[in-house]
């Protein structure tokens, strides 16, 4: 039937070329769009039906290509790529900007006292734990006890790190102490992400061939995925936690800010939000979502299994998480 949408559009992959940074950036600007957090459950389910029907060869009458891609990105923003389950709303990457701008803004504003440092680092690492679990790689279930142990280990390690850095900063100039929250977040990411994804390091994550056929699970692939995510997360924090302190240090010397100190927190939150709008998708784009590695980098037993079942495969692919 003329005018009907073609079934040859590959919506299993992003709309833009993921082999280039620009293509990945365009993709993640869509995935992290904070407006999708406000979409209703009905809209999310409608997008899910459109995507799943299209994959099954069923095209909604009158559906255009742009509407299909719109549905695909709504679907991707709310449903886990491996399990297909709807993700907890504050754990979605589309919630990163509004959640992080509030938490980071408060960390940068209330950093002078130990109780404030402990509270806001705990809030931040609790939020990070939710994000890290929500955006984990793989489809293996995790028990409540495993999740609880990972959460306690991650948040405790992160808060202790923040307090240690704060005690060191007391001997440094005030402008340097403003960067303690950033140093704490960077160090905490190196603790939180591996802890919350420790099951992947123990049991591995699914690896596939270029056609998506599952070849097994690899802990080595999990290590590469987690390192890439840690680098991306620290990168996200750099503009949001390095630029506002410099600006605020200058603004606080102005008569206007001295007259209205109550503006300190909202101005700081606004500056952080402005940085995060760009830093979040651009740092997600540092590495492809569908990461890859040579089979020579896999475990010996998995290499042997792949050589037997898929002798022509030289590279495997996996979802690195976010």
C-alpha atoms as a PDB file:
ATOM      1  CA  UNK A   1       0.000   0.000   0.000  1.00  0.00           C
ATOM      2  CA  UNK A   2       1.518   3.310  -1.076  1.00  0.00           C
ATOM      3  CA  UNK A   3       2.242   5.797   1.687  1.00  0.00           C
ATOM      4  CA  UNK A   4       2.643   3.081   4.339  1.00  0.00           C
ATOM      5  CA  UNK A   5       5.831   3.321   6.402  1.00  0.00           C
ATOM      6  CA  UNK A   6       8.628   0.976   5.303  1.00  0.00           C
ATOM      7  CA  UNK A   7       9.559  -1.907   7.621  1.00  0.00           C
ATOM      8  CA  UNK A   8      13.238  -1.528   6.731  1.00  0.00           C
ATOM      9  CA  UNK A   9      14.023   1.180   9.318  1.00  0.00           C
ATOM     10  CA  UNK A  10      16.439  -0.248  11.904  1.00  0.00           C
ATOM     11  CA  UNK A  11      15.110   1.056  15.212  1.00  0.00           C
ATOM     12  CA  UNK A  12      17.225  -1.426  17.154  1.00  0.00           C
ATOM     13  CA  UNK A  13      20.053   1.042  16.599  1.00  0.00           C
ATOM     14  CA  UNK A  14      20.137   4.825  17.238  1.00  0.00           C
ATOM     15  CA  UNK A  15      19.026   7.164  14.457  1.00  0.00           C
ATOM     16  CA  UNK A  16      22.491   8.698  14.071  1.00  0.00           C
ATOM     17  CA  UNK A  17      25.851   7.079  13.292  1.00  0.00           C
ATOM     18  CA  UNK A  18      27.309   5.846  16.590  1.00  0.00           C
ATOM     19  CA  UNK A  19      30.765   5.585  15.071  1.00  0.00           C
ATOM     20  CA  UNK A  20      31.187   9.354  15.406  1.00  0.00           C
ATOM     21  CA  UNK A  21      31.115  11.578  18.484  1.00  0.00           C
ATOM     22  CA  UNK A  22      28.611  13.929  16.809  1.00  0.00           C
ATOM     23  CA  UNK A  23      26.260  11.045  16.049  1.00  0.00           C
ATOM     24  CA  UNK A  24      26.455   9.803  19.635  1.00  0.00           C
ATOM     25  CA  UNK A  25      25.939  13.350  20.958  1.00  0.00           C
ATOM     26  CA  UNK A  26      22.726  13.790  18.931  1.00  0.00           C
ATOM     27  CA  UNK A  27      21.540  10.403  20.205  1.00  0.00           C
ATOM     28  CA  UNK A  28      22.186  11.240  23.863  1.00  0.00           C
ATOM     29  CA  UNK A  29      20.676  14.716  23.623  1.00  0.00           C
ATOM     30  CA  UNK A  30      17.457  12.826  22.826  1.00  0.00           C
ATOM     31  CA  UNK A  31      17.930  10.116  25.473  1.00  0.00           C
ATOM     32  CA  UNK A  32      18.733  12.599  28.273  1.00  0.00           C
ATOM     33  CA  UNK A  33      16.053  15.154  27.312  1.00  0.00           C
ATOM     34  CA  UNK A  34      14.588  16.057  30.749  1.00  0.00           C
ATOM     35  CA  UNK A  35      11.176  16.787  29.221  1.00  0.00           C
ATOM     36  CA  UNK A  36      10.556  13.046  28.805  1.00  0.00           C
ATOM     37  CA  UNK A  37      10.442  12.689  32.602  1.00  0.00           C
ATOM     38  CA  UNK A  38       7.137  14.581  32.510  1.00  0.00           C
ATOM     39  CA  UNK A  39       5.480  12.222  30.028  1.00  0.00           C
ATOM     40  CA  UNK A  40       2.505  10.247  31.332  1.00  0.00           C
ATOM     41  CA  UNK A  41       2.427   6.467  31.722  1.00  0.00           C
ATOM     42  CA  UNK A  42      -0.099   6.348  28.879  1.00  0.00           C
ATOM     43  CA  UNK A  43       2.343   8.141  26.538  1.00  0.00           C
ATOM     44  CA  UNK A  44       5.165   5.776  27.531  1.00  0.00           C
ATOM     45  CA  UNK A  45       3.005   2.711  26.974  1.00  0.00           C
ATOM     46  CA  UNK A  46       1.815   4.066  23.624  1.00  0.00           C
ATOM     47  CA  UNK A  47       5.448   4.539  22.531  1.00  0.00           C
ATOM     48  CA  UNK A  48       6.241   0.998  23.717  1.00  0.00           C
ATOM     49  CA  UNK A  49       3.365  -0.460  21.680  1.00  0.00           C
ATOM     50  CA  UNK A  50       4.453   1.455  18.539  1.00  0.00           C
ATOM     51  CA  UNK A  51       8.072   0.251  18.890  1.00  0.00           C
ATOM     52  CA  UNK A  52       7.255  -3.372  19.724  1.00  0.00           C
ATOM     53  CA  UNK A  53       4.616  -3.590  16.986  1.00  0.00           C
ATOM     54  CA  UNK A  54       7.017  -2.145  14.416  1.00  0.00           C
ATOM     55  CA  UNK A  55       9.665  -4.692  15.408  1.00  0.00           C
ATOM     56  CA  UNK A  56       7.012  -7.390  14.895  1.00  0.00           C
ATOM     57  CA  UNK A  57       6.194  -6.033  11.427  1.00  0.00           C
ATOM     58  CA  UNK A  58       2.998  -4.206  12.407  1.00  0.00           C
ATOM     59  CA  UNK A  59       2.768  -0.549  11.375  1.00  0.00           C
ATOM     60  CA  UNK A  60       0.207   1.764  12.915  1.00  0.00           C
ATOM     61  CA  UNK A  61      -1.875   3.336  10.087  1.00  0.00           C
ATOM     62  CA  UNK A  62      -0.669   6.840   9.249  1.00  0.00           C
ATOM     63  CA  UNK A  63       2.562   6.474  11.249  1.00  0.00           C
ATOM     64  CA  UNK A  64       5.387   8.636   9.857  1.00  0.00           C
ATOM     65  CA  UNK A  65       9.122   7.992  10.151  1.00  0.00           C
ATOM     66  CA  UNK A  66       9.599  10.974  12.476  1.00  0.00           C
ATOM     67  CA  UNK A  67       6.790   9.692  14.732  1.00  0.00           C
ATOM     68  CA  UNK A  68       8.418   6.264  14.787  1.00  0.00           C
ATOM     69  CA  UNK A  69      11.779   7.699  15.847  1.00  0.00           C
ATOM     70  CA  UNK A  70      10.052   9.904  18.431  1.00  0.00           C
ATOM     71  CA  UNK A  71       8.355   6.802  19.888  1.00  0.00           C
ATOM     72  CA  UNK A  72      11.680   4.928  19.844  1.00  0.00           C
ATOM     73  CA  UNK A  73      13.438   7.640  21.864  1.00  0.00           C
ATOM     74  CA  UNK A  74      10.563   7.922  24.341  1.00  0.00           C
ATOM     75  CA  UNK A  75      10.750   4.142  24.711  1.00  0.00           C
ATOM     76  CA  UNK A  76      14.551   4.210  25.136  1.00  0.00           C
ATOM     77  CA  UNK A  77      14.324   6.944  27.769  1.00  0.00           C
ATOM     78  CA  UNK A  78      12.010   4.921  30.022  1.00  0.00           C
ATOM     79  CA  UNK A  79      12.636   1.204  29.394  1.00  0.00           C
ATOM     80  CA  UNK A  80      15.808  -0.770  30.136  1.00  0.00           C
ATOM     81  CA  UNK A  81      17.573  -1.913  26.923  1.00  0.00           C
ATOM     82  CA  UNK A  82      18.349  -5.425  28.252  1.00  0.00           C
ATOM     83  CA  UNK A  83      15.402  -6.299  30.500  1.00  0.00           C
ATOM     84  CA  UNK A  84      12.692  -4.221  28.816  1.00  0.00           C
ATOM     85  CA  UNK A  85      11.324  -3.203  32.237  1.00  0.00           C
ATOM     86  CA  UNK A  86      10.162   0.339  32.921  1.00  0.00           C
ATOM     87  CA  UNK A  87      12.919   2.131  34.820  1.00  0.00           C
ATOM     88  CA  UNK A  88      12.391   3.961  38.113  1.00  0.00           C
ATOM     89  CA  UNK A  89      11.752   7.573  37.120  1.00  0.00           C
ATOM     90  CA  UNK A  90      14.595   9.276  39.045  1.00  0.00           C
ATOM     91  CA  UNK A  91      17.020   6.606  37.843  1.00  0.00           C
ATOM     92  CA  UNK A  92      16.463   7.403  34.165  1.00  0.00           C
ATOM     93  CA  UNK A  93      19.146   9.379  32.336  1.00  0.00           C
ATOM     94  CA  UNK A  94      16.449  11.900  31.388  1.00  0.00           C
ATOM     95  CA  UNK A  95      16.159  12.726  35.111  1.00  0.00           C
ATOM     96  CA  UNK A  96      19.897  13.445  35.424  1.00  0.00           C
ATOM     97  CA  UNK A  97      19.709  17.184  34.758  1.00  0.00           C
ATOM     98  CA  UNK A  98      16.839  18.147  37.132  1.00  0.00           C
ATOM     99  CA  UNK A  99      18.012  15.797  39.908  1.00  0.00           C
ATOM    100  CA  UNK A 100      21.729  16.543  39.639  1.00  0.00           C
ATOM    101  CA  UNK A 101      21.295  20.306  39.335  1.00  0.00           C
ATOM    102  CA  UNK A 102      19.406  20.338  42.648  1.00  0.00           C
ATOM    103  CA  UNK A 103      21.741  17.988  44.517  1.00  0.00           C
ATOM    104  CA  UNK A 104      24.994  19.351  43.075  1.00  0.00           C
ATOM    105  CA  UNK A 105      23.866  22.951  43.607  1.00  0.00           C
ATOM    106  CA  UNK A 106      23.231  22.194  47.281  1.00  0.00           C
ATOM    107  CA  UNK A 107      26.560  20.351  47.648  1.00  0.00           C
ATOM    108  CA  UNK A 108      28.380  23.388  46.269  1.00  0.00           C
ATOM    109  CA  UNK A 109      26.401  25.774  48.465  1.00  0.00           C
ATOM    110  CA  UNK A 110      26.451  23.861  51.760  1.00  0.00           C
ATOM    111  CA  UNK A 111      30.021  22.553  51.935  1.00  0.00           C
ATOM    112  CA  UNK A 112      31.430  24.382  54.942  1.00  0.00           C
ATOM    113  CA  UNK A 113      30.198  22.205  57.844  1.00  0.00           C
ATOM    114  CA  UNK A 114      30.708  18.488  58.433  1.00  0.00           C
ATOM    115  CA  UNK A 115      26.980  17.672  58.947  1.00  0.00           C
ATOM    116  CA  UNK A 116      26.159  19.422  55.658  1.00  0.00           C
ATOM    117  CA  UNK A 117      28.910  17.551  53.803  1.00  0.00           C
ATOM    118  CA  UNK A 118      27.728  14.208  55.228  1.00  0.00           C
ATOM    119  CA  UNK A 119      24.058  14.868  54.456  1.00  0.00           C
ATOM    120  CA  UNK A 120      24.482  16.090  50.871  1.00  0.00           C
ATOM    121  CA  UNK A 121      27.094  13.467  50.002  1.00  0.00           C
ATOM    122  CA  UNK A 122      24.727  10.815  51.357  1.00  0.00           C
ATOM    123  CA  UNK A 123      21.853  12.254  49.292  1.00  0.00           C
ATOM    124  CA  UNK A 124      24.076  12.403  46.191  1.00  0.00           C
ATOM    125  CA  UNK A 125      25.433   8.883  46.571  1.00  0.00           C
ATOM    126  CA  UNK A 126      21.959   7.489  47.325  1.00  0.00           C
ATOM    127  CA  UNK A 127      20.765   9.078  44.098  1.00  0.00           C
ATOM    128  CA  UNK A 128      23.832   7.752  42.246  1.00  0.00           C
ATOM    129  CA  UNK A 129      23.143   4.276  43.619  1.00  0.00           C
ATOM    130  CA  UNK A 130      19.619   4.411  42.167  1.00  0.00           C
ATOM    131  CA  UNK A 131      20.979   5.619  38.800  1.00  0.00           C
ATOM    132  CA  UNK A 132      23.754   3.011  38.728  1.00  0.00           C
ATOM    133  CA  UNK A 133      21.334   0.179  39.494  1.00  0.00           C
ATOM    134  CA  UNK A 134      18.701   1.442  37.055  1.00  0.00           C
ATOM    135  CA  UNK A 135      21.230   1.783  34.203  1.00  0.00           C
ATOM    136  CA  UNK A 136      23.177  -1.409  34.896  1.00  0.00           C
ATOM    137  CA  UNK A 137      24.201  -3.647  32.027  1.00  0.00           C
ATOM    138  CA  UNK A 138      22.757  -7.124  31.562  1.00  0.00           C
ATOM    139  CA  UNK A 139      19.513  -8.829  32.474  1.00  0.00           C
ATOM    140  CA  UNK A 140      20.506 -10.994  35.460  1.00  0.00           C
ATOM    141  CA  UNK A 141      18.385 -10.365  38.583  1.00  0.00           C
ATOM    142  CA  UNK A 142      19.927  -8.999  41.787  1.00  0.00           C
ATOM    143  CA  UNK A 143      18.607  -9.914  45.234  1.00  0.00           C
ATOM    144  CA  UNK A 144      17.483  -7.388  47.849  1.00  0.00           C
ATOM    145  CA  UNK A 145      20.370  -8.446  50.128  1.00  0.00           C
ATOM    146  CA  UNK A 146      22.920  -7.954  47.328  1.00  0.00           C
ATOM    147  CA  UNK A 147      21.421  -4.565  46.475  1.00  0.00           C
ATOM    148  CA  UNK A 148      21.378  -3.492  50.140  1.00  0.00           C
ATOM    149  CA  UNK A 149      25.002  -4.527  50.717  1.00  0.00           C
ATOM    150  CA  UNK A 150      26.096  -2.730  47.550  1.00  0.00           C
ATOM    151  CA  UNK A 151      24.201   0.430  48.558  1.00  0.00           C
ATOM    152  CA  UNK A 152      25.665   0.536  52.089  1.00  0.00           C
ATOM    153  CA  UNK A 153      29.204  -0.124  50.807  1.00  0.00           C
ATOM    154  CA  UNK A 154      28.921   2.493  48.052  1.00  0.00           C
ATOM    155  CA  UNK A 155      27.412   5.298  50.129  1.00  0.00           C
ATOM    156  CA  UNK A 156      29.645   4.687  53.172  1.00  0.00           C
ATOM    157  CA  UNK A 157      32.785   4.664  51.044  1.00  0.00           C
ATOM    158  CA  UNK A 158      31.731   7.834  49.254  1.00  0.00           C
ATOM    159  CA  UNK A 159      30.853   9.767  52.427  1.00  0.00           C
ATOM    160  CA  UNK A 160      34.108   8.736  54.170  1.00  0.00           C
ATOM    161  CA  UNK A 161      36.021   9.886  51.071  1.00  0.00           C
ATOM    162  CA  UNK A 162      34.237  13.260  51.135  1.00  0.00           C
ATOM    163  CA  UNK A 163      35.012  13.789  54.842  1.00  0.00           C
ATOM    164  CA  UNK A 164      38.655  12.890  54.301  1.00  0.00           C
ATOM    165  CA  UNK A 165      38.981  15.411  51.497  1.00  0.00           C
ATOM    166  CA  UNK A 166      37.168  18.071  53.543  1.00  0.00           C
ATOM    167  CA  UNK A 167      39.642  17.689  56.402  1.00  0.00           C
ATOM    168  CA  UNK A 168      42.525  18.151  53.967  1.00  0.00           C
ATOM    169  CA  UNK A 169      40.894  21.264  52.492  1.00  0.00           C
ATOM    170  CA  UNK A 170      40.889  23.116  55.828  1.00  0.00           C
ATOM    171  CA  UNK A 171      44.561  23.911  55.245  1.00  0.00           C
ATOM    172  CA  UNK A 172      43.953  25.212  51.717  1.00  0.00           C
ATOM    173  CA  UNK A 173      42.728  28.597  50.364  1.00  0.00           C
ATOM    174  CA  UNK A 174      38.900  29.137  50.308  1.00  0.00           C
ATOM    175  CA  UNK A 175      38.670  28.915  46.500  1.00  0.00           C
ATOM    176  CA  UNK A 176      40.337  25.476  46.634  1.00  0.00           C
ATOM    177  CA  UNK A 177      37.956  24.242  49.351  1.00  0.00           C
ATOM    178  CA  UNK A 178      35.077  25.023  46.981  1.00  0.00           C
ATOM    179  CA  UNK A 179      36.338  22.183  44.778  1.00  0.00           C
ATOM    180  CA  UNK A 180      36.165  19.601  47.579  1.00  0.00           C
ATOM    181  CA  UNK A 181      32.643  18.502  46.507  1.00  0.00           C
ATOM    182  CA  UNK A 182      33.929  17.824  42.978  1.00  0.00           C
ATOM    183  CA  UNK A 183      36.932  15.839  44.212  1.00  0.00           C
ATOM    184  CA  UNK A 184      34.639  13.884  46.536  1.00  0.00           C
ATOM    185  CA  UNK A 185      32.164  13.135  43.729  1.00  0.00           C
ATOM    186  CA  UNK A 186      34.933  12.029  41.372  1.00  0.00           C
ATOM    187  CA  UNK A 187      36.427   9.714  44.005  1.00  0.00           C
ATOM    188  CA  UNK A 188      32.991   8.477  45.060  1.00  0.00           C
ATOM    189  CA  UNK A 189      32.062   7.557  41.492  1.00  0.00           C
ATOM    190  CA  UNK A 190      35.083   5.256  41.433  1.00  0.00           C
ATOM    191  CA  UNK A 191      33.608   3.543  44.507  1.00  0.00           C
ATOM    192  CA  UNK A 192      29.851   3.732  43.942  1.00  0.00           C
ATOM    193  CA  UNK A 193      29.598   2.472  40.361  1.00  0.00           C
ATOM    194  CA  UNK A 194      31.710  -0.703  40.808  1.00  0.00           C
ATOM    195  CA  UNK A 195      29.919  -1.520  44.085  1.00  0.00           C
ATOM    196  CA  UNK A 196      26.424  -1.084  42.628  1.00  0.00           C
ATOM    197  CA  UNK A 197      27.426  -3.146  39.586  1.00  0.00           C
ATOM    198  CA  UNK A 198      29.561  -5.699  41.427  1.00  0.00           C
ATOM    199  CA  UNK A 199      27.346  -8.568  40.250  1.00  0.00           C
ATOM    200  CA  UNK A 200      28.428  -7.814  36.685  1.00  0.00           C
ATOM    201  CA  UNK A 201      32.089  -7.986  37.729  1.00  0.00           C
ATOM    202  CA  UNK A 202      31.478 -11.363  39.355  1.00  0.00           C
ATOM    203  CA  UNK A 203      29.207 -13.055  36.800  1.00  0.00           C
ATOM    204  CA  UNK A 204      29.811 -10.994  33.651  1.00  0.00           C
ATOM    205  CA  UNK A 205      27.485  -9.213  31.225  1.00  0.00           C
ATOM    206  CA  UNK A 206      25.952 -10.574  28.003  1.00  0.00           C
ATOM    207  CA  UNK A 207      28.138 -10.299  24.899  1.00  0.00           C
ATOM    208  CA  UNK A 208      26.797 -10.733  21.374  1.00  0.00           C
ATOM    209  CA  UNK A 209      28.007 -10.912  17.792  1.00  0.00           C
ATOM    210  CA  UNK A 210      27.333  -8.063  15.342  1.00  0.00           C
ATOM    211  CA  UNK A 211      23.864  -9.499  14.622  1.00  0.00           C
ATOM    212  CA  UNK A 212      22.842  -9.488  18.277  1.00  0.00           C
ATOM    213  CA  UNK A 213      23.188 -13.241  18.828  1.00  0.00           C
ATOM    214  CA  UNK A 214      24.131 -13.896  22.463  1.00  0.00           C
ATOM    215  CA  UNK A 215      27.491 -15.630  22.821  1.00  0.00           C
ATOM    216  CA  UNK A 216      27.872 -15.764  26.602  1.00  0.00           C
ATOM    217  CA  UNK A 217      28.704 -13.576  29.621  1.00  0.00           C
ATOM    218  CA  UNK A 218      32.021 -11.846  30.249  1.00  0.00           C
ATOM    219  CA  UNK A 219      33.418 -10.228  33.395  1.00  0.00           C
ATOM    220  CA  UNK A 220      36.201  -8.672  31.296  1.00  0.00           C
ATOM    221  CA  UNK A 221      33.576  -6.892  29.200  1.00  0.00           C
ATOM    222  CA  UNK A 222      31.936  -5.732  32.455  1.00  0.00           C
ATOM    223  CA  UNK A 223      35.250  -4.213  33.618  1.00  0.00           C
ATOM    224  CA  UNK A 224      35.607  -2.257  30.364  1.00  0.00           C
ATOM    225  CA  UNK A 225      31.973  -1.125  30.559  1.00  0.00           C
ATOM    226  CA  UNK A 226      32.295   0.091  34.159  1.00  0.00           C
ATOM    227  CA  UNK A 227      35.551   1.969  33.498  1.00  0.00           C
ATOM    228  CA  UNK A 228      33.902   3.775  30.568  1.00  0.00           C
ATOM    229  CA  UNK A 229      30.886   4.699  32.709  1.00  0.00           C
ATOM    230  CA  UNK A 230      33.101   5.989  35.552  1.00  0.00           C
ATOM    231  CA  UNK A 231      35.027   8.208  33.103  1.00  0.00           C
ATOM    232  CA  UNK A 232      31.774   9.535  31.609  1.00  0.00           C
ATOM    233  CA  UNK A 233      30.257  10.277  35.031  1.00  0.00           C
ATOM    234  CA  UNK A 234      33.347  12.137  36.233  1.00  0.00           C
ATOM    235  CA  UNK A 235      33.318  14.051  32.950  1.00  0.00           C
ATOM    236  CA  UNK A 236      29.701  15.054  33.569  1.00  0.00           C
ATOM    237  CA  UNK A 237      30.655  16.458  36.953  1.00  0.00           C
ATOM    238  CA  UNK A 238      33.599  18.551  35.716  1.00  0.00           C
ATOM    239  CA  UNK A 239      31.703  21.514  34.163  1.00  0.00           C
ATOM    240  CA  UNK A 240      28.892  21.446  36.739  1.00  0.00           C
ATOM    241  CA  UNK A 241      31.215  21.372  39.743  1.00  0.00           C
ATOM    242  CA  UNK A 242      34.233  23.292  38.428  1.00  0.00           C
ATOM    243  CA  UNK A 243      32.682  26.280  36.627  1.00  0.00           C
ATOM    244  CA  UNK A 244      29.997  27.443  39.152  1.00  0.00           C
ATOM    245  CA  UNK A 245      32.455  27.689  42.104  1.00  0.00           C
ATOM    246  CA  UNK A 246      34.666  30.098  40.145  1.00  0.00           C
ATOM    247  CA  UNK A 247      31.664  32.222  39.129  1.00  0.00           C
ATOM    248  CA  UNK A 248      30.152  32.141  42.639  1.00  0.00           C
ATOM    249  CA  UNK A 249      33.472  33.082  44.230  1.00  0.00           C
ATOM    250  CA  UNK A 250      33.432  36.244  42.106  1.00  0.00           C
ATOM    251  CA  UNK A 251      29.711  36.974  42.577  1.00  0.00           C
ATOM    252  CA  UNK A 252      29.813  36.675  46.365  1.00  0.00           C
ATOM    253  CA  UNK A 253      32.209  39.635  46.484  1.00  0.00           C
ATOM    254  CA  UNK A 254      29.632  41.856  44.764  1.00  0.00           C
ATOM    255  CA  UNK A 255      27.442  44.144  46.852  1.00  0.00           C
ATOM    256  CA  UNK A 256      24.254  42.713  45.309  1.00  0.00           C
ATOM    257  CA  UNK A 257      24.966  39.164  46.521  1.00  0.00           C
ATOM    258  CA  UNK A 258      26.067  40.441  49.933  1.00  0.00           C
ATOM    259  CA  UNK A 259      22.752  42.277  50.218  1.00  0.00           C
ATOM    260  CA  UNK A 260      20.708  39.225  49.157  1.00  0.00           C
ATOM    261  CA  UNK A 261      22.635  36.128  50.357  1.00  0.00           C
ATOM    262  CA  UNK A 262      19.459  34.069  49.997  1.00  0.00           C
ATOM    263  CA  UNK A 263      20.098  34.114  46.231  1.00  0.00           C
ATOM    264  CA  UNK A 264      23.269  32.067  46.664  1.00  0.00           C
ATOM    265  CA  UNK A 265      21.601  28.644  46.463  1.00  0.00           C
ATOM    266  CA  UNK A 266      19.200  29.319  43.546  1.00  0.00           C
ATOM    267  CA  UNK A 267      21.946  31.024  41.477  1.00  0.00           C
ATOM    268  CA  UNK A 268      24.278  28.101  42.154  1.00  0.00           C
ATOM    269  CA  UNK A 269      21.576  25.556  41.202  1.00  0.00           C
ATOM    270  CA  UNK A 270      20.826  27.492  38.013  1.00  0.00           C
ATOM    271  CA  UNK A 271      24.491  27.582  36.976  1.00  0.00           C
ATOM    272  CA  UNK A 272      24.851  23.854  37.638  1.00  0.00           C
ATOM    273  CA  UNK A 273      21.708  23.131  35.607  1.00  0.00           C
ATOM    274  CA  UNK A 274      23.016  25.135  32.655  1.00  0.00           C
ATOM    275  CA  UNK A 275      26.265  23.149  32.691  1.00  0.00           C
ATOM    276  CA  UNK A 276      24.502  19.790  33.052  1.00  0.00           C
ATOM    277  CA  UNK A 277      22.162  20.361  30.100  1.00  0.00           C
ATOM    278  CA  UNK A 278      25.219  20.085  27.847  1.00  0.00           C
ATOM    279  CA  UNK A 279      27.637  18.018  29.970  1.00  0.00           C
ATOM    280  CA  UNK A 280      25.252  15.082  30.500  1.00  0.00           C
ATOM    281  CA  UNK A 281      24.650  14.115  26.837  1.00  0.00           C
ATOM    282  CA  UNK A 282      28.154  15.095  25.672  1.00  0.00           C
ATOM    283  CA  UNK A 283      29.856  12.945  28.324  1.00  0.00           C
ATOM    284  CA  UNK A 284      27.473  10.032  27.720  1.00  0.00           C
ATOM    285  CA  UNK A 285      28.647  10.308  24.093  1.00  0.00           C
ATOM    286  CA  UNK A 286      32.331   9.797  24.967  1.00  0.00           C
ATOM    287  CA  UNK A 287      31.840   6.048  24.381  1.00  0.00           C
ATOM    288  CA  UNK A 288      29.294   4.153  22.261  1.00  0.00           C
ATOM    289  CA  UNK A 289      26.352   2.722  24.209  1.00  0.00           C
ATOM    290  CA  UNK A 290      26.894  -0.535  22.320  1.00  0.00           C
ATOM    291  CA  UNK A 291      30.522  -1.044  23.266  1.00  0.00           C
ATOM    292  CA  UNK A 292      32.835  -3.629  21.734  1.00  0.00           C
ATOM    293  CA  UNK A 293      36.022  -5.569  22.344  1.00  0.00           C
ATOM    294  CA  UNK A 294      38.133  -8.162  20.555  1.00  0.00           C
ATOM    295  CA  UNK A 295      37.475 -11.758  21.556  1.00  0.00           C
ATOM    296  CA  UNK A 296      41.153 -11.928  22.552  1.00  0.00           C
ATOM    297  CA  UNK A 297      40.243  -9.711  25.505  1.00  0.00           C
ATOM    298  CA  UNK A 298      37.644 -12.178  26.801  1.00  0.00           C
ATOM    299  CA  UNK A 299      38.106 -15.004  29.303  1.00  0.00           C
ATOM    300  CA  UNK A 300      39.895 -18.059  27.865  1.00  0.00           C
ATOM    301  CA  UNK A 301      36.923 -20.415  28.253  1.00  0.00           C
ATOM    302  CA  UNK A 302      34.568 -17.945  26.568  1.00  0.00           C
ATOM    303  CA  UNK A 303      37.049 -17.415  23.721  1.00  0.00           C
ATOM    304  CA  UNK A 304      37.138 -21.167  23.143  1.00  0.00           C
ATOM    305  CA  UNK A 305      33.350 -21.445  23.230  1.00  0.00           C
ATOM    306  CA  UNK A 306      32.969 -18.613  20.696  1.00  0.00           C
ATOM    307  CA  UNK A 307      35.574 -20.158  18.375  1.00  0.00           C
ATOM    308  CA  UNK A 308      33.554 -23.372  18.398  1.00  0.00           C
ATOM    309  CA  UNK A 309      30.063 -21.897  18.016  1.00  0.00           C
ATOM    310  CA  UNK A 310      30.870 -18.790  15.950  1.00  0.00           C
ATOM    311  CA  UNK A 311      34.328 -19.237  14.337  1.00  0.00           C
ATOM    312  CA  UNK A 312      34.079 -16.119  12.143  1.00  0.00           C
ATOM    313  CA  UNK A 313      33.424 -13.758  15.070  1.00  0.00           C
ATOM    314  CA  UNK A 314      36.423 -11.581  15.969  1.00  0.00           C
ATOM    315  CA  UNK A 315      34.644  -8.806  17.895  1.00  0.00           C
ATOM    316  CA  UNK A 316      31.905  -8.975  20.520  1.00  0.00           C
ATOM    317  CA  UNK A 317      29.430  -6.271  21.525  1.00  0.00           C
ATOM    318  CA  UNK A 318      27.733  -5.394  24.806  1.00  0.00           C
ATOM    319  CA  UNK A 319      25.612  -2.718  26.442  1.00  0.00           C
ATOM    320  CA  UNK A 320      28.001  -0.731  28.670  1.00  0.00           C
ATOM    321  CA  UNK A 321      25.243   0.823  30.764  1.00  0.00           C
ATOM    322  CA  UNK A 322      25.112   4.537  31.522  1.00  0.00           C
END
